[in-house]
PDB file of N, CA and C in Angstrom:
ATOM      1  N   MET A   1       6.359  -9.162  -3.806  1.00  0.00           N
ATOM      2  CA  MET A   1       7.654  -8.130  -4.043  1.00  0.00           C
ATOM      3  C   MET A   1       8.806  -9.058  -4.682  1.00  0.00           C
ATOM      4  N   ILE A   2       9.536  -8.786  -5.707  1.00  0.00           N
ATOM      5  CA  ILE A   2      10.434  -9.409  -6.307  1.00  0.00           C
ATOM      6  C   ILE A   2      12.157  -9.603  -5.734  1.00  0.00           C
ATOM      7  N   GLY A   3      12.153 -10.723  -5.113  1.00  0.00           N
ATOM      8  CA  GLY A   3      13.379 -10.967  -4.417  1.00  0.00           C
ATOM      9  C   GLY A   3      13.398 -10.166  -3.108  1.00  0.00           C
ATOM     10  N   GLY A   4      12.464  -9.575  -2.589  1.00  0.00           N
ATOM     11  CA  GLY A   4      12.819  -8.928  -1.325  1.00  0.00           C
ATOM     12  C   GLY A   4      11.710  -9.552  -0.308  1.00  0.00           C
ATOM     13  N   LYS A   5      11.601  -8.800   0.729  1.00  0.00           N
ATOM     14  CA  LYS A   5      10.616  -8.887   1.755  1.00  0.00           C
ATOM     15  C   LYS A   5      10.017  -7.874   1.847  1.00  0.00           C
ATOM     16  N   PRO A   6       8.515  -8.282   1.516  1.00  0.00           N
ATOM     17  CA  PRO A   6       7.400  -7.096   1.409  1.00  0.00           C
ATOM     18  C   PRO A   6       7.143  -6.656   2.759  1.00  0.00           C
ATOM     19  N   LYS A   7       7.344  -7.259   3.781  1.00  0.00           N
ATOM     20  CA  LYS A   7       6.967  -6.797   4.948  1.00  0.00           C
ATOM     21  C   LYS A   7       8.005  -5.708   5.504  1.00  0.00           C
ATOM     22  N   VAL A   8       9.366  -5.654   5.161  1.00  0.00           N
ATOM     23  CA  VAL A   8      10.075  -4.444   5.455  1.00  0.00           C
ATOM     24  C   VAL A   8       9.675  -3.220   4.738  1.00  0.00           C
ATOM     25  N   LEU A   9       9.269  -3.470   3.531  1.00  0.00           N
ATOM     26  CA  LEU A   9       8.915  -2.381   2.681  1.00  0.00           C
ATOM     27  C   LEU A   9       7.527  -1.559   3.363  1.00  0.00           C
ATOM     28  N   TYR A  10       6.725  -2.512   3.764  1.00  0.00           N
ATOM     29  CA  TYR A  10       5.438  -1.915   4.248  1.00  0.00           C
ATOM     30  C   TYR A  10       5.662  -1.207   5.817  1.00  0.00           C
ATOM     31  N   GLU A  11       6.415  -1.796   6.474  1.00  0.00           N
ATOM     32  CA  GLU A  11       7.231  -1.194   7.990  1.00  0.00           C
ATOM     33  C   GLU A  11       7.768   0.124   7.564  1.00  0.00           C
ATOM     34  N   LYS A  12       8.550   0.173   6.618  1.00  0.00           N
ATOM     35  CA  LYS A  12       9.355   1.364   6.446  1.00  0.00           C
ATOM     36  C   LYS A  12       8.320   2.444   5.731  1.00  0.00           C
ATOM     37  N   ALA A  13       7.124   2.049   4.850  1.00  0.00           N
ATOM     38  CA  ALA A  13       6.342   2.895   4.424  1.00  0.00           C
ATOM     39  C   ALA A  13       5.369   3.388   5.496  1.00  0.00           C
ATOM     40  N   TYR A  14       4.798   2.473   6.267  1.00  0.00           N
ATOM     41  CA  TYR A  14       4.062   2.912   7.373  1.00  0.00           C
ATOM     42  C   TYR A  14       4.861   3.986   8.364  1.00  0.00           C
ATOM     43  N   ALA A  15       6.111   3.703   8.798  1.00  0.00           N
ATOM     44  CA  ALA A  15       6.645   4.556   9.641  1.00  0.00           C
ATOM     45  C   ALA A  15       7.111   6.064   9.073  1.00  0.00           C
ATOM     46  N   PHE A  16       7.312   5.968   7.793  1.00  0.00           N
ATOM     47  CA  PHE A  16       7.375   7.132   6.884  1.00  0.00           C
ATOM     48  C   PHE A  16       5.948   7.981   7.003  1.00  0.00           C
ATOM     49  N   GLY A  17       5.222   7.187   6.911  1.00  0.00           N
ATOM     50  CA  GLY A  17       3.654   7.830   6.725  1.00  0.00           C
ATOM     51  C   GLY A  17       3.404   8.259   8.356  1.00  0.00           C
ATOM     52  N   VAL A  18       3.716   7.810   9.344  1.00  0.00           N
ATOM     53  CA  VAL A  18       3.359   8.137  10.629  1.00  0.00           C
ATOM     54  C   VAL A  18       4.341   9.619  10.652  1.00  0.00           C
ATOM     55  N   ARG A  19       5.479   9.717  10.206  1.00  0.00           N
ATOM     56  CA  ARG A  19       6.142  11.003  10.403  1.00  0.00           C
ATOM     57  C   ARG A  19       5.980  12.103   9.600  1.00  0.00           C
ATOM     58  N   VAL A  20       5.021  11.429   8.371  1.00  0.00           N
ATOM     59  CA  VAL A  20       4.773  12.595   7.624  1.00  0.00           C
ATOM     60  C   VAL A  20       3.346  13.437   8.266  1.00  0.00           C
ATOM     61  N   VAL A  21       2.713  12.403   9.022  1.00  0.00           N
ATOM     62  CA  VAL A  21       1.526  12.928   9.633  1.00  0.00           C
ATOM     63  C   VAL A  21       1.869  13.819  10.812  1.00  0.00           C
ATOM     64  N   TRP A  22       2.942  13.300  11.715  1.00  0.00           N
ATOM     65  CA  TRP A  22       3.405  14.528  12.639  1.00  0.00           C
ATOM     66  C   TRP A  22       4.022  15.651  12.091  1.00  0.00           C
ATOM     67  N   ALA A  23       4.644  15.592  10.907  1.00  0.00           N
ATOM     68  CA  ALA A  23       5.229  16.729  10.322  1.00  0.00           C
ATOM     69  C   ALA A  23       3.884  17.676   9.815  1.00  0.00           C
ATOM     70  N   TYR A  24       3.002  17.305   9.160  1.00  0.00           N
ATOM     71  CA  TYR A  24       1.872  17.847   8.769  1.00  0.00           C
ATOM     72  C   TYR A  24       1.212  18.521  10.014  1.00  0.00           C
ATOM     73  N   GLN A  25       1.218  17.806  11.137  1.00  0.00           N
ATOM     74  CA  GLN A  25       0.438  18.436  12.258  1.00  0.00           C
ATOM     75  C   GLN A  25       1.213  19.707  12.886  1.00  0.00           C
ATOM     76  N   PHE A  26       2.600  19.372  12.949  1.00  0.00           N
ATOM     77  CA  PHE A  26       3.568  20.390  13.233  1.00  0.00           C
ATOM     78  C   PHE A  26       3.496  21.621  12.417  1.00  0.00           C
ATOM     79  N   LEU A  27       3.519  21.393  11.151  1.00  0.00           N
ATOM     80  CA  LEU A  27       3.489  22.798  10.452  1.00  0.00           C
ATOM     81  C   LEU A  27       2.301  23.318  10.590  1.00  0.00           C
ATOM     82  N   SER A  28       0.943  22.505  10.431  1.00  0.00           N
ATOM     83  CA  SER A  28      -0.143  23.197  10.538  1.00  0.00           C
ATOM     84  C   SER A  28      -0.696  23.964  11.732  1.00  0.00           C
ATOM     85  N   GLN A  29      -0.304  23.216  13.024  1.00  0.00           N
ATOM     86  CA  GLN A  29      -0.720  23.877  14.191  1.00  0.00           C
ATOM     87  C   GLN A  29       0.393  24.614  14.762  1.00  0.00           C
ATOM     88  N   GLU A  30       1.640  24.484  14.698  1.00  0.00           N
ATOM     89  CA  GLU A  30       2.497  25.313  15.364  1.00  0.00           C
ATOM     90  C   GLU A  30       3.053  26.390  14.450  1.00  0.00           C
ATOM     91  N   LYS A  31       3.329  26.120  13.185  1.00  0.00           N
ATOM     92  CA  LYS A  31       3.834  27.239  12.183  1.00  0.00           C
ATOM     93  C   LYS A  31       2.874  27.774  11.505  1.00  0.00           C
ATOM     94  N   ARG A  32       1.391  27.467  11.572  1.00  0.00           N
ATOM     95  CA  ARG A  32       0.560  28.039  10.727  1.00  0.00           C
ATOM     96  C   ARG A  32       0.701  27.967   9.266  1.00  0.00           C
ATOM     97  N   GLU A  33       1.484  26.864   8.820  1.00  0.00           N
ATOM     98  CA  GLU A  33       1.899  26.748   7.299  1.00  0.00           C
ATOM     99  C   GLU A  33       0.874  25.722   6.775  1.00  0.00           C
ATOM    100  N   TYR A  34      -0.106  26.124   5.913  1.00  0.00           N
ATOM    101  CA  TYR A  34      -1.254  25.375   5.639  1.00  0.00           C
ATOM    102  C   TYR A  34      -0.971  24.714   3.907  1.00  0.00           C
ATOM    103  N   VAL A  35      -0.482  25.366   3.173  1.00  0.00           N
ATOM    104  CA  VAL A  35      -0.377  24.922   1.847  1.00  0.00           C
ATOM    105  C   VAL A  35       0.726  23.937   1.904  1.00  0.00           C
ATOM    106  N   LEU A  36       1.992  24.142   2.527  1.00  0.00           N
ATOM    107  CA  LEU A  36       3.072  23.328   2.332  1.00  0.00           C
ATOM    108  C   LEU A  36       2.671  21.887   3.150  1.00  0.00           C
ATOM    109  N   SER A  37       2.047  22.282   4.338  1.00  0.00           N
ATOM    110  CA  SER A  37       1.403  20.856   5.074  1.00  0.00           C
ATOM    111  C   SER A  37       0.755  20.139   4.152  1.00  0.00           C
ATOM    112  N   LYS A  38      -0.171  20.767   3.707  1.00  0.00           N
ATOM    113  CA  LYS A  38      -1.199  19.876   2.896  1.00  0.00           C
ATOM    114  C   LYS A  38      -0.396  19.203   1.373  1.00  0.00           C
ATOM    115  N   GLN A  39       0.402  19.932   0.926  1.00  0.00           N
ATOM    116  CA  GLN A  39       1.376  19.189   0.083  1.00  0.00           C
ATOM    117  C   GLN A  39       2.162  18.022   0.525  1.00  0.00           C
ATOM    118  N   LEU A  40       2.634  18.407   1.582  1.00  0.00           N
ATOM    119  CA  LEU A  40       3.506  17.173   2.325  1.00  0.00           C
ATOM    120  C   LEU A  40       2.732  15.974   2.548  1.00  0.00           C
ATOM    121  N   LEU A  41       1.405  16.311   3.237  1.00  0.00           N
ATOM    122  CA  LEU A  41       0.563  14.984   3.497  1.00  0.00           C
ATOM    123  C   LEU A  41       0.056  14.388   2.020  1.00  0.00           C
ATOM    124  N   ARG A  42      -0.290  15.118   1.243  1.00  0.00           N
ATOM    125  CA  ARG A  42      -0.539  14.525  -0.077  1.00  0.00           C
ATOM    126  C   ARG A  42       0.546  13.489  -0.885  1.00  0.00           C
ATOM    127  N   CYS A  43       2.042  14.153  -0.756  1.00  0.00           N
ATOM    128  CA  CYS A  43       2.881  13.327  -1.240  1.00  0.00           C
ATOM    129  C   CYS A  43       3.233  12.288  -0.487  1.00  0.00           C
ATOM    130  N   GLY A  44       3.284  12.481   0.825  1.00  0.00           N
ATOM    131  CA  GLY A  44       3.519  11.321   1.794  1.00  0.00           C
ATOM    132  C   GLY A  44       2.520  10.223   1.592  1.00  0.00           C
ATOM    133  N   ALA A  45       1.279  10.482   1.442  1.00  0.00           N
ATOM    134  CA  ALA A  45       0.266   9.180   1.320  1.00  0.00           C
ATOM    135  C   ALA A  45       0.321   8.804  -0.057  1.00  0.00           C
ATOM    136  N   SER A  46       0.969   9.321  -1.199  1.00  0.00           N
ATOM    137  CA  SER A  46       1.018   8.865  -2.430  1.00  0.00           C
ATOM    138  C   SER A  46       2.130   7.626  -2.383  1.00  0.00           C
ATOM    139  N   ILE A  47       2.941   7.500  -1.487  1.00  0.00           N
ATOM    140  CA  ILE A  47       4.243   6.461  -1.568  1.00  0.00           C
ATOM    141  C   ILE A  47       3.221   5.302  -1.348  1.00  0.00           C
ATOM    142  N   ASP A  48       2.455   5.324  -0.131  1.00  0.00           N
ATOM    143  CA  ASP A  48       1.638   4.120  -0.054  1.00  0.00           C
ATOM    144  C   ASP A  48       0.855   3.373  -1.001  1.00  0.00           C
ATOM    145  N   ALA A  49       0.155   4.514  -1.958  1.00  0.00           N
ATOM    146  CA  ALA A  49      -0.661   4.153  -3.235  1.00  0.00           C
ATOM    147  C   ALA A  49       0.149   3.615  -4.037  1.00  0.00           C
ATOM    148  N   ASN A  50       1.499   4.082  -4.357  1.00  0.00           N
ATOM    149  CA  ASN A  50       2.349   3.843  -5.363  1.00  0.00           C
ATOM    150  C   ASN A  50       2.880   2.290  -4.919  1.00  0.00           C
ATOM    151  N   ILE A  51       3.058   1.871  -3.700  1.00  0.00           N
ATOM    152  CA  ILE A  51       3.380   0.632  -3.434  1.00  0.00           C
ATOM    153  C   ILE A  51       2.300  -0.390  -3.716  1.00  0.00           C
ATOM    154  N   ALA A  52       1.120  -0.050  -3.261  1.00  0.00           N
ATOM    155  CA  ALA A  52       0.052  -0.872  -3.508  1.00  0.00           C
ATOM    156  C   ALA A  52      -0.325  -1.046  -4.833  1.00  0.00           C
ATOM    157  N   GLU A  53      -0.025  -0.068  -5.750  1.00  0.00           N
ATOM    158  CA  GLU A  53      -0.499  -0.232  -7.264  1.00  0.00           C
ATOM    159  C   GLU A  53       0.755  -1.269  -7.803  1.00  0.00           C
ATOM    160  N   ALA A  54       1.971  -0.989  -7.443  1.00  0.00           N
ATOM    161  CA  ALA A  54       2.936  -1.659  -7.821  1.00  0.00           C
ATOM    162  C   ALA A  54       2.966  -3.373  -7.443  1.00  0.00           C
ATOM    163  N   ASN A  55       2.432  -3.581  -6.272  1.00  0.00           N
ATOM    164  CA  ASN A  55       2.131  -4.931  -5.802  1.00  0.00           C
ATOM    165  C   ASN A  55       0.922  -5.525  -6.513  1.00  0.00           C
ATOM    166  N   GLY A  56      -0.080  -4.862  -7.014  1.00  0.00           N
ATOM    167  CA  GLY A  56      -1.174  -5.304  -7.873  1.00  0.00           C
ATOM    168  C   GLY A  56      -0.686  -5.418  -9.138  1.00  0.00           C
ATOM    169  N   ALA A  57       0.068  -4.717  -9.760  1.00  0.00           N
ATOM    170  CA  ALA A  57       0.682  -5.158 -11.100  1.00  0.00           C
ATOM    171  C   ALA A  57       1.508  -6.100 -11.087  1.00  0.00           C
ATOM    172  N   LEU A  58       2.296  -6.485 -10.258  1.00  0.00           N
ATOM    173  CA  LEU A  58       3.211  -7.544  -9.930  1.00  0.00           C
ATOM    174  C   LEU A  58       2.258  -8.792 -10.017  1.00  0.00           C
ATOM    175  N   PHE A  59       1.187  -8.810  -9.060  1.00  0.00           N
ATOM    176  CA  PHE A  59       0.174  -9.812  -8.881  1.00  0.00           C
ATOM    177  C   PHE A  59      -0.233 -10.246 -10.133  1.00  0.00           C
ATOM    178  N   ARG A  60      -0.696  -9.248 -11.099  1.00  0.00           N
ATOM    179  CA  ARG A  60      -1.317  -9.581 -12.444  1.00  0.00           C
ATOM    180  C   ARG A  60      -0.720 -10.143 -13.275  1.00  0.00           C
ATOM    181  N   CYS A  61       0.778  -9.654 -13.242  1.00  0.00           N
ATOM    182  CA  CYS A  61       1.767 -10.076 -14.096  1.00  0.00           C
ATOM    183  C   CYS A  61       2.204 -11.443 -13.939  1.00  0.00           C
ATOM    184  N   ARG A  62       2.083 -11.731 -12.672  1.00  0.00           N
ATOM    185  CA  ARG A  62       2.252 -13.435 -12.338  1.00  0.00           C
ATOM    186  C   ARG A  62       1.256 -14.279 -12.696  1.00  0.00           C
ATOM    187  N   ILE A  63       0.269 -13.828 -12.793  1.00  0.00           N
ATOM    188  CA  ILE A  63      -1.272 -14.536 -12.853  1.00  0.00           C
ATOM    189  C   ILE A  63      -1.285 -14.602 -14.271  1.00  0.00           C
ATOM    190  N   PHE A  64      -1.351 -13.463 -15.166  1.00  0.00           N
ATOM    191  CA  PHE A  64      -1.333 -13.430 -16.585  1.00  0.00           C
ATOM    192  C   PHE A  64      -0.341 -13.713 -17.409  1.00  0.00           C
ATOM    193  N   GLY A  65       0.974 -13.661 -16.775  1.00  0.00           N
ATOM    194  CA  GLY A  65       2.188 -13.425 -17.820  1.00  0.00           C
ATOM    195  C   GLY A  65       2.836 -14.737 -17.832  1.00  0.00           C
TER     196      GLY A  65
END
């Protein structure tokens, strides 16, 4: 991570992911809303994937750049 603390970013992303899963469970079980809950779950999970991809690009940049 450039000029920051990667641990803080990962902790916040993990906490957000946990809240997204709770919201997904609430929407699908209590409110019977399946389409919106699945989209929320997909979008929430993509944040972690984007962080991992950015760290991989940064790592490659430092090695090859």
